Amino acid sequence: MRVRVAINGFGTIGKRIADAVSLQDDMELIGVSKTRPNYEALAAVRRGYPLYVPADRLEVFEEAGIRVAGTLDEMLSKADVVVDATPGGVGAKYKPVYEEHGVKMVFQGGEKAHVAEASFNTLCNYEETLGKQSLRVVSCNTTGLLRIICSIHKAFGVKAVRAVIVRRGADPKENKRGPINSIVLNPPRLPSHHGEDVKTVLPWLDIMTAAVAVPTTLMHVHFLNVKLEKRVSREDVLGVLENSPRIVIASASGTGIQSTAELVEYARDLGRARYDLPELVLWEDSITVAGNELLLFQAVHQESIVVPENIDAIRAVAKLETDPAKTIEKTDKALGLRRGWLS
């Protein structure tokens, strides 16, 4: 069975999800949509993706010389699942349209949690979300936090998490904000919303987060302090993380990589499209264990980290695969994701 997938929105996240869906043997990308005839719409057509637009925008695209396959409603009528990749807050406005067409829905972390039946992370709650009508793949920072927390929790049990998030000031393509000559409290109040977002997936977790925005566009960096249910050794932790999916470990002393700029350059050297790093990157040198306390630094590529989870969310709502380990294996193989040591 191949599930028919439509993607509403072809921006930073949507275009990456479109590419990822195209690589899956159990999915068919039936189209993507745009509201403006810009370079991203041109890129969709050039990549061979059927482009659909709102009915009242057909003439605008025609005047711009961009070929369209039809209207948004026509695209939705052909779909089993729609992935909403519109700007934050816009997805909720489209939800009644999706419901009218009876399609399963996957939203992004820019939407409020109540937009969907459940917030989603493959490593944490895949089985609980099977067959739901709508899911919300949590944000990039929340995805990074959940990957490490759930990997550690399954092995040792997690009692509490305290995290500081150093956020990029803007995405690379943005030209309406930044660069800023400042470190901005983001937000000034404590705790930040990131911990609350984690709790939409793990409501039992004691977690508090703080965040600042800095003048960079490449990646986010997190500092985590994790209190475990029992005392463990550093070797115990490394043994778990070496085998955790969607996590790679970088040795600063071994590779010379001790910054997000060097991680991005390494991704470029590997030939990664758009220098994407969907894997969560941990710095081995930072991993410190004292009794039942674990500390570490990790890096999150905000433009691509949620892409594997979106693919898994499609499988979850469509019930294409009931075993989270199998969907992870299938997705990661298709996307060329790695685990273990960065080498």
C-alpha atoms as a PDB file:
ATOM      1  CA  MET A   1       0.000   0.000   0.000  1.00  0.00           C
ATOM      2  CA  ARG A   2       1.278   3.471  -0.923  1.00  0.00           C
ATOM      3  CA  VAL A   3      -0.298   6.333   0.970  1.00  0.00           C
ATOM      4  CA  ARG A   4      -1.003   9.456  -1.076  1.00  0.00           C
ATOM      5  CA  VAL A   5       0.584  12.504   0.544  1.00  0.00           C
ATOM      6  CA  ALA A   6      -0.106  16.174  -0.145  1.00  0.00           C
ATOM      7  CA  ILE A   7       2.048  18.948   1.300  1.00  0.00           C
ATOM      8  CA  ASN A   8       0.473  22.336   1.909  1.00  0.00           C
ATOM      9  CA  GLY A   9       3.377  24.767   1.978  1.00  0.00           C
ATOM     10  CA  PHE A  10       6.706  24.496   0.182  1.00  0.00           C
ATOM     11  CA  GLY A  11       9.043  26.571   2.313  1.00  0.00           C
ATOM     12  CA  THR A  12      11.888  25.639   4.640  1.00  0.00           C
ATOM     13  CA  ILE A  13      10.182  22.544   6.068  1.00  0.00           C
ATOM     14  CA  GLY A  14       7.743  21.692   3.291  1.00  0.00           C
ATOM     15  CA  LYS A  15      10.360  21.301   0.570  1.00  0.00           C
ATOM     16  CA  ARG A  16      12.432  19.012   2.764  1.00  0.00           C
ATOM     17  CA  ILE A  17       9.417  16.862   3.623  1.00  0.00           C
ATOM     18  CA  ALA A  18       8.519  16.699  -0.074  1.00  0.00           C
ATOM     19  CA  ASP A  19      11.979  15.382  -0.908  1.00  0.00           C
ATOM     20  CA  ALA A  20      11.779  12.872   1.953  1.00  0.00           C
ATOM     21  CA  VAL A  21       8.334  11.587   0.957  1.00  0.00           C
ATOM     22  CA  SER A  22       9.610  11.085  -2.595  1.00  0.00           C
ATOM     23  CA  LEU A  23      12.257   8.694  -1.253  1.00  0.00           C
ATOM     24  CA  GLN A  24       9.778   6.393   0.557  1.00  0.00           C
ATOM     25  CA  ASP A  25       8.553   3.252  -1.186  1.00  0.00           C
ATOM     26  CA  ASP A  26       5.270   3.246   0.742  1.00  0.00           C
ATOM     27  CA  MET A  27       4.317   6.854  -0.043  1.00  0.00           C
ATOM     28  CA  GLU A  28       3.341   8.809  -3.152  1.00  0.00           C
ATOM     29  CA  LEU A  29       3.799  12.576  -3.267  1.00  0.00           C
ATOM     30  CA  ILE A  30       0.736  13.761  -5.181  1.00  0.00           C
ATOM     31  CA  GLY A  31       1.539  17.458  -4.932  1.00  0.00           C
ATOM     32  CA  VAL A  32       2.703  20.524  -3.059  1.00  0.00           C
ATOM     33  CA  SER A  33       1.083  23.924  -2.739  1.00  0.00           C
ATOM     34  CA  LYS A  34       2.139  27.551  -2.664  1.00  0.00           C
ATOM     35  CA  THR A  35       0.231  30.811  -2.323  1.00  0.00           C
ATOM     36  CA  ARG A  36       2.827  33.055  -3.980  1.00  0.00           C
ATOM     37  CA  PRO A  37       4.598  32.628  -7.349  1.00  0.00           C
ATOM     38  CA  ASN A  38       8.133  32.909  -5.975  1.00  0.00           C
ATOM     39  CA  TYR A  39      11.425  31.044  -6.416  1.00  0.00           C
ATOM     40  CA  GLU A  40      10.222  28.192  -4.206  1.00  0.00           C
ATOM     41  CA  ALA A  41       7.219  27.636  -6.466  1.00  0.00           C
ATOM     42  CA  LEU A  42       9.611  27.589  -9.437  1.00  0.00           C
ATOM     43  CA  ALA A  43      11.817  25.078  -7.609  1.00  0.00           C
ATOM     44  CA  ALA A  44       8.838  22.780  -6.990  1.00  0.00           C
ATOM     45  CA  VAL A  45       7.992  22.752 -10.690  1.00  0.00           C
ATOM     46  CA  ARG A  46      11.635  22.243 -11.659  1.00  0.00           C
ATOM     47  CA  ARG A  47      11.841  19.257  -9.286  1.00  0.00           C
ATOM     48  CA  GLY A  48       8.819  17.714 -10.985  1.00  0.00           C
ATOM     49  CA  TYR A  49       6.407  18.143  -8.080  1.00  0.00           C
ATOM     50  CA  PRO A  50       2.811  18.868  -9.131  1.00  0.00           C
ATOM     51  CA  LEU A  51       2.117  22.404  -7.903  1.00  0.00           C
ATOM     52  CA  TYR A  52      -1.318  23.366  -6.615  1.00  0.00           C
ATOM     53  CA  VAL A  53      -2.520  26.811  -5.545  1.00  0.00           C
ATOM     54  CA  PRO A  54      -5.631  28.361  -3.962  1.00  0.00           C
ATOM     55  CA  ALA A  55      -8.357  28.839  -6.550  1.00  0.00           C
ATOM     56  CA  ASP A  56      -8.205  32.618  -6.255  1.00  0.00           C
ATOM     57  CA  ARG A  57      -4.462  32.592  -7.043  1.00  0.00           C
ATOM     58  CA  LEU A  58      -4.567  30.715 -10.351  1.00  0.00           C
ATOM     59  CA  GLU A  59      -4.433  33.855 -12.428  1.00  0.00           C
ATOM     60  CA  VAL A  60      -1.507  35.269 -10.422  1.00  0.00           C
ATOM     61  CA  PHE A  61       0.570  32.161 -11.115  1.00  0.00           C
ATOM     62  CA  GLU A  62      -0.461  32.146 -14.763  1.00  0.00           C
ATOM     63  CA  GLU A  63       0.678  35.766 -15.133  1.00  0.00           C
ATOM     64  CA  ALA A  64       4.016  34.827 -13.527  1.00  0.00           C
ATOM     65  CA  GLY A  65       4.456  32.032 -16.073  1.00  0.00           C
ATOM     66  CA  ILE A  66       4.484  29.256 -13.460  1.00  0.00           C
ATOM     67  CA  ARG A  67       2.659  26.103 -14.511  1.00  0.00           C
ATOM     68  CA  VAL A  68       0.216  24.736 -11.938  1.00  0.00           C
ATOM     69  CA  ALA A  69      -1.502  21.356 -11.760  1.00  0.00           C
ATOM     70  CA  GLY A  70      -4.704  22.645 -10.235  1.00  0.00           C
ATOM     71  CA  THR A  71      -6.246  24.091  -7.096  1.00  0.00           C
ATOM     72  CA  LEU A  72      -5.557  23.288  -3.458  1.00  0.00           C
ATOM     73  CA  ASP A  73      -8.976  21.670  -3.159  1.00  0.00           C
ATOM     74  CA  GLU A  74      -8.179  19.424  -6.112  1.00  0.00           C
ATOM     75  CA  MET A  75      -4.927  18.351  -4.474  1.00  0.00           C
ATOM     76  CA  LEU A  76      -6.646  17.561  -1.184  1.00  0.00           C
ATOM     77  CA  SER A  77      -9.329  15.540  -2.975  1.00  0.00           C
ATOM     78  CA  LYS A  78      -6.602  13.151  -4.175  1.00  0.00           C
ATOM     79  CA  ALA A  79      -4.798  12.789  -0.837  1.00  0.00           C
ATOM     80  CA  ASP A  80      -4.955  10.333   2.040  1.00  0.00           C
ATOM     81  CA  VAL A  81      -2.722  12.480   4.262  1.00  0.00           C
ATOM     82  CA  VAL A  82      -1.916  16.184   4.171  1.00  0.00           C
ATOM     83  CA  VAL A  83       1.229  17.527   5.787  1.00  0.00           C
ATOM     84  CA  ASP A  84       0.660  21.145   6.742  1.00  0.00           C
ATOM     85  CA  ALA A  85       3.936  23.047   6.354  1.00  0.00           C
ATOM     86  CA  THR A  86       2.455  26.531   6.280  1.00  0.00           C
ATOM     87  CA  PRO A  87       3.816  29.325   8.520  1.00  0.00           C
ATOM     88  CA  GLY A  88       3.115  29.015  12.238  1.00  0.00           C
ATOM     89  CA  GLY A  89      -0.517  29.650  13.102  1.00  0.00           C
ATOM     90  CA  VAL A  90      -1.737  29.305   9.521  1.00  0.00           C
ATOM     91  CA  GLY A  91      -2.256  25.547   9.764  1.00  0.00           C
ATOM     92  CA  ALA A  92      -5.057  25.949  12.282  1.00  0.00           C
ATOM     93  CA  LYS A  93      -6.924  28.114   9.744  1.00  0.00           C
ATOM     94  CA  TYR A  94      -6.601  25.369   7.123  1.00  0.00           C
ATOM     95  CA  LYS A  95      -7.786  22.608   9.465  1.00  0.00           C
ATOM     96  CA  PRO A  96     -11.511  23.004   8.570  1.00  0.00           C
ATOM     97  CA  VAL A  97     -10.566  22.683   4.893  1.00  0.00           C
ATOM     98  CA  TYR A  98      -8.667  19.471   5.587  1.00  0.00           C
ATOM     99  CA  GLU A  99     -11.573  18.121   7.639  1.00  0.00           C
ATOM    100  CA  GLU A 100     -13.969  18.887   4.807  1.00  0.00           C
ATOM    101  CA  HIS A 101     -11.877  16.659   2.534  1.00  0.00           C
ATOM    102  CA  GLY A 102     -11.629  13.897   5.152  1.00  0.00           C
ATOM    103  CA  VAL A 103      -7.838  13.622   4.997  1.00  0.00           C
ATOM    104  CA  LYS A 104      -5.519  12.658   7.824  1.00  0.00           C
ATOM    105  CA  MET A 105      -3.477  15.631   9.033  1.00  0.00           C
ATOM    106  CA  VAL A 106       0.122  16.211  10.140  1.00  0.00           C
ATOM    107  CA  PHE A 107       0.871  19.681  11.524  1.00  0.00           C
ATOM    108  CA  GLN A 108       4.138  21.328  12.549  1.00  0.00           C
ATOM    109  CA  GLY A 109       5.391  22.635  15.882  1.00  0.00           C
ATOM    110  CA  GLY A 110       4.568  26.229  14.993  1.00  0.00           C
ATOM    111  CA  GLU A 111       0.924  25.400  15.692  1.00  0.00           C
ATOM    112  CA  LYS A 112      -0.617  25.283  19.162  1.00  0.00           C
ATOM    113  CA  ALA A 113      -0.770  21.781  20.617  1.00  0.00           C
ATOM    114  CA  HIS A 114      -4.576  21.677  20.531  1.00  0.00           C
ATOM    115  CA  VAL A 115      -4.603  21.834  16.716  1.00  0.00           C
ATOM    116  CA  ALA A 116      -4.145  18.045  16.672  1.00  0.00           C
ATOM    117  CA  GLU A 117      -5.208  15.008  18.681  1.00  0.00           C
ATOM    118  CA  ALA A 118      -1.636  14.501  19.905  1.00  0.00           C
ATOM    119  CA  SER A 119       1.841  15.953  19.754  1.00  0.00           C
ATOM    120  CA  PHE A 120       4.275  13.485  18.209  1.00  0.00           C
ATOM    121  CA  ASN A 121       7.806  12.175  18.511  1.00  0.00           C
ATOM    122  CA  THR A 122       8.699   8.767  17.120  1.00  0.00           C
ATOM    123  CA  LEU A 123      11.083   7.753  19.902  1.00  0.00           C
ATOM    124  CA  CYS A 124       8.594   8.717  22.607  1.00  0.00           C
ATOM    125  CA  ASN A 125       4.993   7.993  21.641  1.00  0.00           C
ATOM    126  CA  TYR A 126       4.693   6.404  18.193  1.00  0.00           C
ATOM    127  CA  GLU A 127       2.475   3.492  19.248  1.00  0.00           C
ATOM    128  CA  GLU A 128       0.087   5.787  21.147  1.00  0.00           C
ATOM    129  CA  THR A 129      -0.571   7.846  18.002  1.00  0.00           C
ATOM    130  CA  LEU A 130      -1.367   5.068  15.522  1.00  0.00           C
ATOM    131  CA  GLY A 131      -4.446   5.720  13.426  1.00  0.00           C
ATOM    132  CA  LYS A 132      -5.205   9.170  14.820  1.00  0.00           C
ATOM    133  CA  GLN A 133      -6.845  11.664  12.509  1.00  0.00           C
ATOM    134  CA  SER A 134      -4.328  14.424  13.267  1.00  0.00           C
ATOM    135  CA  LEU A 135      -0.844  14.749  14.745  1.00  0.00           C
ATOM    136  CA  ARG A 136       1.450  17.673  15.486  1.00  0.00           C
ATOM    137  CA  VAL A 137       5.167  17.070  14.977  1.00  0.00           C
ATOM    138  CA  VAL A 138       6.751  19.185  17.697  1.00  0.00           C
ATOM    139  CA  SER A 139       9.236  21.981  16.973  1.00  0.00           C
ATOM    140  CA  CYS A 140      12.910  21.567  16.138  1.00  0.00           C
ATOM    141  CA  ASN A 141      14.109  22.347  19.670  1.00  0.00           C
ATOM    142  CA  THR A 142      11.469  20.097  21.234  1.00  0.00           C
ATOM    143  CA  THR A 143      12.371  17.294  18.815  1.00  0.00           C
ATOM    144  CA  GLY A 144      16.017  17.565  19.840  1.00  0.00           C
ATOM    145  CA  LEU A 145      15.124  17.486  23.528  1.00  0.00           C
ATOM    146  CA  LEU A 146      12.751  14.541  23.143  1.00  0.00           C
ATOM    147  CA  ARG A 147      15.219  12.422  21.166  1.00  0.00           C
ATOM    148  CA  ILE A 148      17.825  12.558  23.908  1.00  0.00           C
ATOM    149  CA  ILE A 149      15.363  12.390  26.821  1.00  0.00           C
ATOM    150  CA  CYS A 150      13.468   9.351  25.529  1.00  0.00           C
ATOM    151  CA  SER A 151      16.664   7.524  24.528  1.00  0.00           C
ATOM    152  CA  ILE A 152      18.082   8.020  28.022  1.00  0.00           C
ATOM    153  CA  HIS A 153      14.782   7.368  29.781  1.00  0.00           C
ATOM    154  CA  LYS A 154      14.316   3.956  28.178  1.00  0.00           C
ATOM    155  CA  ALA A 155      17.722   2.893  29.457  1.00  0.00           C
ATOM    156  CA  PHE A 156      18.003   4.507  32.882  1.00  0.00           C
ATOM    157  CA  GLY A 157      14.834   6.416  33.701  1.00  0.00           C
ATOM    158  CA  VAL A 158      14.721  10.211  33.773  1.00  0.00           C
ATOM    159  CA  LYS A 159      13.526  12.099  36.852  1.00  0.00           C
ATOM    160  CA  ALA A 160      14.039  15.705  35.786  1.00  0.00           C
ATOM    161  CA  VAL A 161      15.571  17.860  33.058  1.00  0.00           C
ATOM    162  CA  ARG A 162      16.927  21.394  33.161  1.00  0.00           C
ATOM    163  CA  ALA A 163      18.023  22.845  29.820  1.00  0.00           C
ATOM    164  CA  VAL A 164      19.379  26.078  28.387  1.00  0.00           C
ATOM    165  CA  ILE A 165      18.654  26.621  24.698  1.00  0.00           C
ATOM    166  CA  VAL A 166      20.884  28.890  22.624  1.00  0.00           C
ATOM    167  CA  ARG A 167      18.727  29.648  19.601  1.00  0.00           C
ATOM    168  CA  ARG A 168      19.733  30.883  16.174  1.00  0.00           C
ATOM    169  CA  GLY A 169      18.525  34.425  15.562  1.00  0.00           C
ATOM    170  CA  ALA A 170      17.063  33.666  12.108  1.00  0.00           C
ATOM    171  CA  ASP A 171      17.091  30.993   9.427  1.00  0.00           C
ATOM    172  CA  PRO A 172      19.690  31.403   6.643  1.00  0.00           C
ATOM    173  CA  LYS A 173      17.176  32.503   3.976  1.00  0.00           C
ATOM    174  CA  GLU A 174      15.444  35.120   6.130  1.00  0.00           C
ATOM    175  CA  ASN A 175      16.015  38.769   5.297  1.00  0.00           C
ATOM    176  CA  LYS A 176      13.370  40.456   7.428  1.00  0.00           C
ATOM    177  CA  ARG A 177      15.202  40.093  10.727  1.00  0.00           C
ATOM    178  CA  GLY A 178      18.765  39.943  11.954  1.00  0.00           C
ATOM    179  CA  PRO A 179      21.652  39.930  12.144  1.00  0.00           C
ATOM    180  CA  ILE A 180      21.394  41.202  15.697  1.00  0.00           C
ATOM    181  CA  ASN A 181      24.327  42.548  17.651  1.00  0.00           C
ATOM    182  CA  SER A 182      22.960  41.179  20.870  1.00  0.00           C
ATOM    183  CA  ILE A 183      22.104  38.147  22.968  1.00  0.00           C
ATOM    184  CA  VAL A 184      18.340  38.312  23.383  1.00  0.00           C
ATOM    185  CA  LEU A 185      16.424  36.728  26.259  1.00  0.00           C
ATOM    186  CA  ASN A 186      13.975  34.554  24.366  1.00  0.00           C
ATOM    187  CA  PRO A 187      11.735  35.029  26.299  1.00  0.00           C
ATOM    188  CA  PRO A 188      12.747  37.116  29.346  1.00  0.00           C
ATOM    189  CA  ARG A 189      10.461  35.129  31.631  1.00  0.00           C
ATOM    190  CA  LEU A 190      11.359  31.709  32.999  1.00  0.00           C
ATOM    191  CA  PRO A 191      10.766  28.975  32.185  1.00  0.00           C
ATOM    192  CA  SER A 192      10.660  29.176  28.380  1.00  0.00           C
ATOM    193  CA  HIS A 193       7.908  27.434  26.416  1.00  0.00           C
ATOM    194  CA  HIS A 194      10.184  24.630  25.228  1.00  0.00           C
ATOM    195  CA  GLY A 195       9.768  22.560  28.381  1.00  0.00           C
ATOM    196  CA  GLU A 196       5.996  22.909  28.205  1.00  0.00           C
ATOM    197  CA  ASP A 197       6.130  21.711  24.607  1.00  0.00           C
ATOM    198  CA  VAL A 198       8.098  18.650  25.703  1.00  0.00           C
ATOM    199  CA  LYS A 199       5.304  17.947  28.199  1.00  0.00           C
ATOM    200  CA  THR A 200       2.723  17.775  25.422  1.00  0.00           C
ATOM    201  CA  VAL A 201       4.451  14.461  24.606  1.00  0.00           C
ATOM    202  CA  LEU A 202       5.763  13.528  28.090  1.00  0.00           C
ATOM    203  CA  PRO A 203       3.230  15.062  30.519  1.00  0.00           C
ATOM    204  CA  TRP A 204       4.815  13.326  33.518  1.00  0.00           C
ATOM    205  CA  LEU A 205       8.270  14.880  33.070  1.00  0.00           C
ATOM    206  CA  ASP A 206       9.719  17.446  35.469  1.00  0.00           C
ATOM    207  CA  ILE A 207      11.372  19.814  33.003  1.00  0.00           C
ATOM    208  CA  MET A 208      12.276  23.507  32.974  1.00  0.00           C
ATOM    209  CA  THR A 209      13.983  25.359  30.133  1.00  0.00           C
ATOM    210  CA  ALA A 210      15.476  28.769  29.421  1.00  0.00           C
ATOM    211  CA  ALA A 211      16.367  30.230  26.024  1.00  0.00           C
ATOM    212  CA  VAL A 212      18.399  33.013  24.446  1.00  0.00           C
ATOM    213  CA  ALA A 213      18.679  34.024  20.785  1.00  0.00           C
ATOM    214  CA  VAL A 214      22.107  34.825  19.343  1.00  0.00           C
ATOM    215  CA  PRO A 215      23.359  36.287  16.031  1.00  0.00           C
ATOM    216  CA  THR A 216      23.781  33.069  14.048  1.00  0.00           C
ATOM    217  CA  THR A 217      21.643  31.305  11.431  1.00  0.00           C
ATOM    218  CA  LEU A 218      23.186  27.838  11.369  1.00  0.00           C
ATOM    219  CA  MET A 219      21.937  25.749  14.299  1.00  0.00           C
ATOM    220  CA  HIS A 220      20.675  25.750  17.873  1.00  0.00           C
ATOM    221  CA  VAL A 221      22.788  24.493  20.789  1.00  0.00           C
ATOM    222  CA  HIS A 222      21.367  23.003  24.008  1.00  0.00           C
ATOM    223  CA  PHE A 223      22.991  22.507  27.399  1.00  0.00           C
ATOM    224  CA  LEU A 224      21.227  19.740  29.320  1.00  0.00           C
ATOM    225  CA  ASN A 225      21.311  18.717  32.957  1.00  0.00           C
ATOM    226  CA  VAL A 226      19.446  15.414  33.288  1.00  0.00           C
ATOM    227  CA  LYS A 227      18.695  13.753  36.630  1.00  0.00           C
ATOM    228  CA  LEU A 228      18.420   9.994  36.260  1.00  0.00           C
ATOM    229  CA  GLU A 229      16.516   7.416  38.283  1.00  0.00           C
ATOM    230  CA  LYS A 230      19.756   5.648  39.197  1.00  0.00           C
ATOM    231  CA  ARG A 231      23.503   6.106  39.291  1.00  0.00           C
ATOM    232  CA  VAL A 232      25.254   5.265  36.040  1.00  0.00           C
ATOM    233  CA  SER A 233      28.712   5.554  34.539  1.00  0.00           C
ATOM    234  CA  ARG A 234      29.776   7.677  31.602  1.00  0.00           C
ATOM    235  CA  GLU A 235      30.501   4.466  29.724  1.00  0.00           C
ATOM    236  CA  ASP A 236      26.926   3.302  30.360  1.00  0.00           C
ATOM    237  CA  VAL A 237      25.580   6.519  28.845  1.00  0.00           C
ATOM    238  CA  LEU A 238      27.884   6.392  25.826  1.00  0.00           C
ATOM    239  CA  GLY A 239      26.905   2.775  25.231  1.00  0.00           C
ATOM    240  CA  VAL A 240      23.247   3.779  24.977  1.00  0.00           C
ATOM    241  CA  LEU A 241      23.827   6.871  22.868  1.00  0.00           C
ATOM    242  CA  GLU A 242      26.068   5.032  20.398  1.00  0.00           C
ATOM    243  CA  ASN A 243      23.092   2.848  19.491  1.00  0.00           C
ATOM    244  CA  SER A 244      20.321   5.431  19.666  1.00  0.00           C
ATOM    245  CA  PRO A 245      18.667   6.241  16.318  1.00  0.00           C
ATOM    246  CA  ARG A 246      18.890   9.765  14.905  1.00  0.00           C
ATOM    247  CA  ILE A 247      21.715  10.676  17.268  1.00  0.00           C
ATOM    248  CA  VAL A 248      25.350  11.060  16.289  1.00  0.00           C
ATOM    249  CA  ILE A 249      28.255  11.721  18.617  1.00  0.00           C
ATOM    250  CA  ALA A 250      31.004  14.141  17.654  1.00  0.00           C
ATOM    251  CA  SER A 251      34.374  14.048  19.351  1.00  0.00           C
ATOM    252  CA  ALA A 252      35.866  17.535  19.414  1.00  0.00           C
ATOM    253  CA  SER A 253      39.262  16.112  20.296  1.00  0.00           C
ATOM    254  CA  GLY A 254      39.020  13.475  17.562  1.00  0.00           C
ATOM    255  CA  THR A 255      37.460  15.434  14.686  1.00  0.00           C
ATOM    256  CA  GLY A 256      38.242  19.019  15.587  1.00  0.00           C
ATOM    257  CA  ILE A 257      34.535  19.826  15.407  1.00  0.00           C
ATOM    258  CA  GLN A 258      33.633  22.048  18.328  1.00  0.00           C
ATOM    259  CA  SER A 259      31.249  24.524  16.721  1.00  0.00           C
ATOM    260  CA  THR A 260      28.069  24.612  14.669  1.00  0.00           C
ATOM    261  CA  ALA A 261      30.000  26.211  11.780  1.00  0.00           C
ATOM    262  CA  GLU A 262      32.288  23.183  11.587  1.00  0.00           C
ATOM    263  CA  LEU A 263      29.311  20.807  11.753  1.00  0.00           C
ATOM    264  CA  VAL A 264      27.704  22.607   8.823  1.00  0.00           C
ATOM    265  CA  GLU A 265      30.949  22.579   6.857  1.00  0.00           C
ATOM    266  CA  TYR A 266      31.299  18.834   7.482  1.00  0.00           C
ATOM    267  CA  ALA A 267      27.742  18.288   6.208  1.00  0.00           C
ATOM    268  CA  ARG A 268      28.674  20.245   3.087  1.00  0.00           C
ATOM    269  CA  ASP A 269      31.775  18.102   2.620  1.00  0.00           C
ATOM    270  CA  LEU A 270      29.628  14.969   2.919  1.00  0.00           C
ATOM    271  CA  GLY A 271      27.496  16.278   0.055  1.00  0.00           C
ATOM    272  CA  ARG A 272      24.376  16.621   2.188  1.00  0.00           C
ATOM    273  CA  ALA A 273      21.616  18.456   0.292  1.00  0.00           C
ATOM    274  CA  ARG A 274      21.243  21.975   1.724  1.00  0.00           C
ATOM    275  CA  TYR A 275      23.883  20.874   4.322  1.00  0.00           C
ATOM    276  CA  ASP A 276      21.038  19.210   6.251  1.00  0.00           C
ATOM    277  CA  LEU A 277      21.761  17.405   9.520  1.00  0.00           C
ATOM    278  CA  PRO A 278      18.525  15.688  10.566  1.00  0.00           C
ATOM    279  CA  GLU A 279      20.504  13.814  13.204  1.00  0.00           C
ATOM    280  CA  LEU A 280      20.828  15.278  16.693  1.00  0.00           C
ATOM    281  CA  VAL A 281      24.535  15.925  17.313  1.00  0.00           C
ATOM    282  CA  LEU A 282      26.017  15.350  20.787  1.00  0.00           C
ATOM    283  CA  TRP A 283      29.506  16.464  21.775  1.00  0.00           C
ATOM    284  CA  GLU A 284      31.228  13.489  23.355  1.00  0.00           C
ATOM    285  CA  ASP A 285      33.724  15.699  25.188  1.00  0.00           C
ATOM    286  CA  SER A 286      30.869  17.403  27.046  1.00  0.00           C
ATOM    287  CA  ILE A 287      29.185  14.223  28.287  1.00  0.00           C
ATOM    288  CA  THR A 288      29.724  14.220  32.039  1.00  0.00           C
ATOM    289  CA  VAL A 289      28.216  11.902  34.647  1.00  0.00           C
ATOM    290  CA  ALA A 290      28.241  12.526  38.376  1.00  0.00           C
ATOM    291  CA  GLY A 291      26.233   9.922  40.248  1.00  0.00           C
ATOM    292  CA  ASN A 292      22.734  10.127  38.803  1.00  0.00           C
ATOM    293  CA  GLU A 293      23.337  13.442  37.026  1.00  0.00           C
ATOM    294  CA  LEU A 294      24.107  13.720  33.302  1.00  0.00           C
ATOM    295  CA  LEU A 295      25.344  16.880  31.592  1.00  0.00           C
ATOM    296  CA  LEU A 296      25.983  17.441  27.886  1.00  0.00           C
ATOM    297  CA  PHE A 297      25.951  19.812  24.908  1.00  0.00           C
ATOM    298  CA  GLN A 298      23.951  19.013  21.776  1.00  0.00           C
ATOM    299  CA  ALA A 299      23.316  20.736  18.444  1.00  0.00           C
ATOM    300  CA  VAL A 300      20.049  20.950  16.503  1.00  0.00           C
ATOM    301  CA  HIS A 301      19.814  21.783  12.808  1.00  0.00           C
ATOM    302  CA  GLN A 302      16.511  23.626  12.904  1.00  0.00           C
ATOM    303  CA  GLU A 303      15.751  23.340   9.183  1.00  0.00           C
ATOM    304  CA  SER A 304      15.898  19.548   8.935  1.00  0.00           C
ATOM    305  CA  ILE A 305      15.680  17.778  12.305  1.00  0.00           C
ATOM    306  CA  VAL A 306      11.887  17.356  12.177  1.00  0.00           C
ATOM    307  CA  VAL A 307      11.839  15.791   8.696  1.00  0.00           C
ATOM    308  CA  PRO A 308      12.255  12.129   9.790  1.00  0.00           C
ATOM    309  CA  GLU A 309       9.525  12.571  12.404  1.00  0.00           C
ATOM    310  CA  ASN A 310       7.174  13.932   9.742  1.00  0.00           C
ATOM    311  CA  ILE A 311       7.688  10.803   7.661  1.00  0.00           C
ATOM    312  CA  ASP A 312       7.005   8.620  10.686  1.00  0.00           C
ATOM    313  CA  ALA A 313       3.922  10.683  11.556  1.00  0.00           C
ATOM    314  CA  ILE A 314       2.524   9.971   8.083  1.00  0.00           C
ATOM    315  CA  ARG A 315       3.025   6.262   8.721  1.00  0.00           C
ATOM    316  CA  ALA A 316       1.420   6.560  12.147  1.00  0.00           C
ATOM    317  CA  VAL A 317      -1.807   8.245  11.004  1.00  0.00           C
ATOM    318  CA  ALA A 318      -2.065   5.959   7.975  1.00  0.00           C
ATOM    319  CA  LYS A 319      -1.147   2.880  10.082  1.00  0.00           C
ATOM    320  CA  LEU A 320       1.399   1.835   7.481  1.00  0.00           C
ATOM    321  CA  GLU A 321       3.668   0.476  10.214  1.00  0.00           C
ATOM    322  CA  THR A 322       2.845  -0.382  13.835  1.00  0.00           C
ATOM    323  CA  ASP A 323       6.404  -0.919  15.107  1.00  0.00           C
ATOM    324  CA  PRO A 324       8.338   2.310  15.823  1.00  0.00           C
ATOM    325  CA  ALA A 325      11.682   0.560  15.345  1.00  0.00           C
ATOM    326  CA  LYS A 326      10.651  -0.521  11.845  1.00  0.00           C
ATOM    327  CA  THR A 327       9.457   2.901  10.742  1.00  0.00           C
ATOM    328  CA  ILE A 328      12.663   4.447  12.089  1.00  0.00           C
ATOM    329  CA  GLU A 329      14.755   1.917  10.176  1.00  0.00           C
ATOM    330  CA  LYS A 330      12.770   2.467   6.986  1.00  0.00           C
ATOM    331  CA  THR A 331      12.816   6.267   7.177  1.00  0.00           C
ATOM    332  CA  ASP A 332      16.449   6.567   8.178  1.00  0.00           C
ATOM    333  CA  LYS A 333      17.673   4.195   5.480  1.00  0.00           C
ATOM    334  CA  ALA A 334      15.775   6.133   2.801  1.00  0.00           C
ATOM    335  CA  LEU A 335      17.119   9.463   4.060  1.00  0.00           C
ATOM    336  CA  GLY A 336      20.677   8.238   4.629  1.00  0.00           C
ATOM    337  CA  LEU A 337      20.665   9.055   8.334  1.00  0.00           C
ATOM    338  CA  ARG A 338      23.474   7.865  10.552  1.00  0.00           C
ATOM    339  CA  ARG A 339      23.868   6.871  14.183  1.00  0.00           C
ATOM    340  CA  GLY A 340      26.837   6.319  16.449  1.00  0.00           C
ATOM    341  CA  TRP A 341      30.056   8.249  16.055  1.00  0.00           C
ATOM    342  CA  LEU A 342      30.413  11.100  13.585  1.00  0.00           C
ATOM    343  CA  SER A 343      33.212   9.983  11.296  1.00  0.00           C
END
